[in-house]
């Protein structure tokens, strides 16, 4: 679990895509307000499609779309990058879970 008001960063390489301020910590899912940066517009369609596929319970197609997200973006906790994550972004909200193990290169 993460702390209330903890700030997480979503990155593409060294470019900040957005930040998440946790306002509902919990396990396994953390929920928070998402503050996009201009570069998020490039990735927003992937998140929109992933959310639609989950809603439609098309999990095999979701995996293919989510592979794009996971391959292009890094999620950083307040203490640094996480090894793996599952992140959803919809409107001004984000919800995510992560693997606490060390980040792999």
C-alpha atoms as a PDB file:
ATOM      1  CA  UNK A   1       0.000   0.000   0.000  1.00  0.00           C
ATOM      2  CA  UNK A   2       1.131   3.548  -0.594  1.00  0.00           C
ATOM      3  CA  UNK A   3       0.646   6.644   1.522  1.00  0.00           C
ATOM      4  CA  UNK A   4      -2.250   9.043   1.155  1.00  0.00           C
ATOM      5  CA  UNK A   5      -1.216  11.983  -1.055  1.00  0.00           C
ATOM      6  CA  UNK A   6       1.853  10.135  -2.361  1.00  0.00           C
ATOM      7  CA  UNK A   7       2.825  11.346  -5.820  1.00  0.00           C
ATOM      8  CA  UNK A   8       3.588   8.810  -8.531  1.00  0.00           C
ATOM      9  CA  UNK A   9       5.071   9.735 -11.906  1.00  0.00           C
ATOM     10  CA  UNK A  10       4.292   8.260 -15.321  1.00  0.00           C
ATOM     11  CA  UNK A  11       7.197   8.578 -17.746  1.00  0.00           C
ATOM     12  CA  UNK A  12       8.103   7.803 -21.330  1.00  0.00           C
ATOM     13  CA  UNK A  13      11.880   7.673 -21.201  1.00  0.00           C
ATOM     14  CA  UNK A  14      12.761  10.871 -19.376  1.00  0.00           C
ATOM     15  CA  UNK A  15       9.578  12.695 -20.494  1.00  0.00           C
ATOM     16  CA  UNK A  16       6.970  13.222 -17.787  1.00  0.00           C
ATOM     17  CA  UNK A  17       3.593  12.032 -19.069  1.00  0.00           C
ATOM     18  CA  UNK A  18       1.631  12.761 -15.899  1.00  0.00           C
ATOM     19  CA  UNK A  19       1.462  12.448 -12.146  1.00  0.00           C
ATOM     20  CA  UNK A  20      -0.919  10.571  -9.896  1.00  0.00           C
ATOM     21  CA  UNK A  21      -1.705  11.878  -6.429  1.00  0.00           C
ATOM     22  CA  UNK A  22      -3.055   8.987  -4.373  1.00  0.00           C
ATOM     23  CA  UNK A  23      -6.260   9.862  -2.549  1.00  0.00           C
ATOM     24  CA  UNK A  24      -7.559   6.320  -1.934  1.00  0.00           C
ATOM     25  CA  UNK A  25      -4.717   4.056  -0.847  1.00  0.00           C
ATOM     26  CA  UNK A  26      -5.532   0.380  -0.601  1.00  0.00           C
ATOM     27  CA  UNK A  27      -4.454  -3.080  -1.549  1.00  0.00           C
ATOM     28  CA  UNK A  28      -4.130  -4.191  -4.153  1.00  0.00           C
ATOM     29  CA  UNK A  29      -5.414  -1.087  -5.983  1.00  0.00           C
ATOM     30  CA  UNK A  30      -4.342   2.500  -5.389  1.00  0.00           C
ATOM     31  CA  UNK A  31      -6.637   5.262  -6.664  1.00  0.00           C
ATOM     32  CA  UNK A  32      -5.820   8.881  -7.288  1.00  0.00           C
ATOM     33  CA  UNK A  33      -6.183  12.031  -9.280  1.00  0.00           C
ATOM     34  CA  UNK A  34      -4.322  12.016 -12.587  1.00  0.00           C
ATOM     35  CA  UNK A  35      -2.650  15.218 -13.749  1.00  0.00           C
ATOM     36  CA  UNK A  36      -1.662  14.803 -17.403  1.00  0.00           C
ATOM     37  CA  UNK A  37       1.182  16.605 -19.071  1.00  0.00           C
ATOM     38  CA  UNK A  38       0.876  17.616 -22.766  1.00  0.00           C
ATOM     39  CA  UNK A  39       2.751  14.451 -23.828  1.00  0.00           C
ATOM     40  CA  UNK A  40      -0.070  12.297 -22.408  1.00  0.00           C
ATOM     41  CA  UNK A  41      -2.185  13.002 -25.500  1.00  0.00           C
ATOM     42  CA  UNK A  42       0.051  10.589 -27.434  1.00  0.00           C
ATOM     43  CA  UNK A  43      -0.813   7.717 -25.062  1.00  0.00           C
ATOM     44  CA  UNK A  44      -4.391   8.566 -24.106  1.00  0.00           C
ATOM     45  CA  UNK A  45      -5.945   6.493 -26.943  1.00  0.00           C
ATOM     46  CA  UNK A  46      -4.204   3.380 -25.590  1.00  0.00           C
ATOM     47  CA  UNK A  47      -5.671   3.905 -22.132  1.00  0.00           C
ATOM     48  CA  UNK A  48      -9.121   4.625 -23.588  1.00  0.00           C
ATOM     49  CA  UNK A  49      -8.989   1.422 -25.642  1.00  0.00           C
ATOM     50  CA  UNK A  50      -7.708  -0.650 -22.716  1.00  0.00           C
ATOM     51  CA  UNK A  51     -10.545   0.600 -20.504  1.00  0.00           C
ATOM     52  CA  UNK A  52     -13.138  -0.173 -23.192  1.00  0.00           C
ATOM     53  CA  UNK A  53     -11.753  -3.700 -23.606  1.00  0.00           C
ATOM     54  CA  UNK A  54     -11.911  -4.370 -19.856  1.00  0.00           C
ATOM     55  CA  UNK A  55     -15.478  -3.089 -19.801  1.00  0.00           C
ATOM     56  CA  UNK A  56     -16.333  -5.452 -22.686  1.00  0.00           C
ATOM     57  CA  UNK A  57     -14.457  -8.300 -20.959  1.00  0.00           C
ATOM     58  CA  UNK A  58     -12.230  -8.771 -24.020  1.00  0.00           C
ATOM     59  CA  UNK A  59      -9.189  -9.696 -21.976  1.00  0.00           C
ATOM     60  CA  UNK A  60      -7.056 -11.208 -24.762  1.00  0.00           C
ATOM     61  CA  UNK A  61      -7.339  -7.993 -26.776  1.00  0.00           C
ATOM     62  CA  UNK A  62      -6.694  -6.029 -23.584  1.00  0.00           C
ATOM     63  CA  UNK A  63      -3.383  -7.847 -23.112  1.00  0.00           C
ATOM     64  CA  UNK A  64      -2.210  -6.800 -26.581  1.00  0.00           C
ATOM     65  CA  UNK A  65      -3.135  -3.144 -26.006  1.00  0.00           C
ATOM     66  CA  UNK A  66      -1.682  -3.128 -22.514  1.00  0.00           C
ATOM     67  CA  UNK A  67       1.607  -4.498 -23.858  1.00  0.00           C
ATOM     68  CA  UNK A  68       1.934  -1.187 -25.749  1.00  0.00           C
ATOM     69  CA  UNK A  69       1.445   0.795 -22.547  1.00  0.00           C
ATOM     70  CA  UNK A  70       3.810  -1.342 -20.514  1.00  0.00           C
ATOM     71  CA  UNK A  71       6.458  -1.273 -23.236  1.00  0.00           C
ATOM     72  CA  UNK A  72       6.398   2.506 -23.675  1.00  0.00           C
ATOM     73  CA  UNK A  73       5.864   3.834 -20.153  1.00  0.00           C
ATOM     74  CA  UNK A  74       7.459   3.602 -16.729  1.00  0.00           C
ATOM     75  CA  UNK A  75       5.673   4.134 -13.424  1.00  0.00           C
ATOM     76  CA  UNK A  76       7.711   5.618 -10.596  1.00  0.00           C
ATOM     77  CA  UNK A  77       6.691   5.397  -6.967  1.00  0.00           C
ATOM     78  CA  UNK A  78       7.872   8.108  -4.564  1.00  0.00           C
ATOM     79  CA  UNK A  79      10.952   5.916  -3.989  1.00  0.00           C
ATOM     80  CA  UNK A  80      11.725   5.103  -7.641  1.00  0.00           C
ATOM     81  CA  UNK A  81      10.676   2.970 -10.643  1.00  0.00           C
ATOM     82  CA  UNK A  82       8.610  -0.160 -10.051  1.00  0.00           C
ATOM     83  CA  UNK A  83       9.281  -3.500 -11.743  1.00  0.00           C
ATOM     84  CA  UNK A  84       5.815  -3.979 -13.211  1.00  0.00           C
ATOM     85  CA  UNK A  85       2.489  -2.233 -13.005  1.00  0.00           C
ATOM     86  CA  UNK A  86      -1.106  -2.331 -14.152  1.00  0.00           C
ATOM     87  CA  UNK A  87      -2.436   1.181 -14.664  1.00  0.00           C
ATOM     88  CA  UNK A  88      -5.804   2.465 -15.809  1.00  0.00           C
ATOM     89  CA  UNK A  89      -6.490   6.117 -16.531  1.00  0.00           C
ATOM     90  CA  UNK A  90      -9.969   7.444 -17.178  1.00  0.00           C
ATOM     91  CA  UNK A  91     -10.918  11.083 -17.168  1.00  0.00           C
ATOM     92  CA  UNK A  92      -9.116  12.674 -14.216  1.00  0.00           C
ATOM     93  CA  UNK A  93      -8.697   9.413 -12.294  1.00  0.00           C
ATOM     94  CA  UNK A  94      -6.075   6.697 -12.232  1.00  0.00           C
ATOM     95  CA  UNK A  95      -6.087   3.340 -10.509  1.00  0.00           C
ATOM     96  CA  UNK A  96      -3.120   1.036 -10.399  1.00  0.00           C
ATOM     97  CA  UNK A  97      -1.289  -1.821  -8.768  1.00  0.00           C
ATOM     98  CA  UNK A  98       2.382  -2.642  -8.958  1.00  0.00           C
ATOM     99  CA  UNK A  99       5.075  -5.187  -8.249  1.00  0.00           C
ATOM    100  CA  UNK A 100       7.302  -3.989  -5.441  1.00  0.00           C
ATOM    101  CA  UNK A 101      10.314  -5.869  -6.818  1.00  0.00           C
ATOM    102  CA  UNK A 102      13.260  -4.013  -8.318  1.00  0.00           C
ATOM    103  CA  UNK A 103      12.778  -2.486 -11.751  1.00  0.00           C
ATOM    104  CA  UNK A 104      14.193  -4.523 -14.599  1.00  0.00           C
ATOM    105  CA  UNK A 105      16.084  -3.047 -17.491  1.00  0.00           C
END
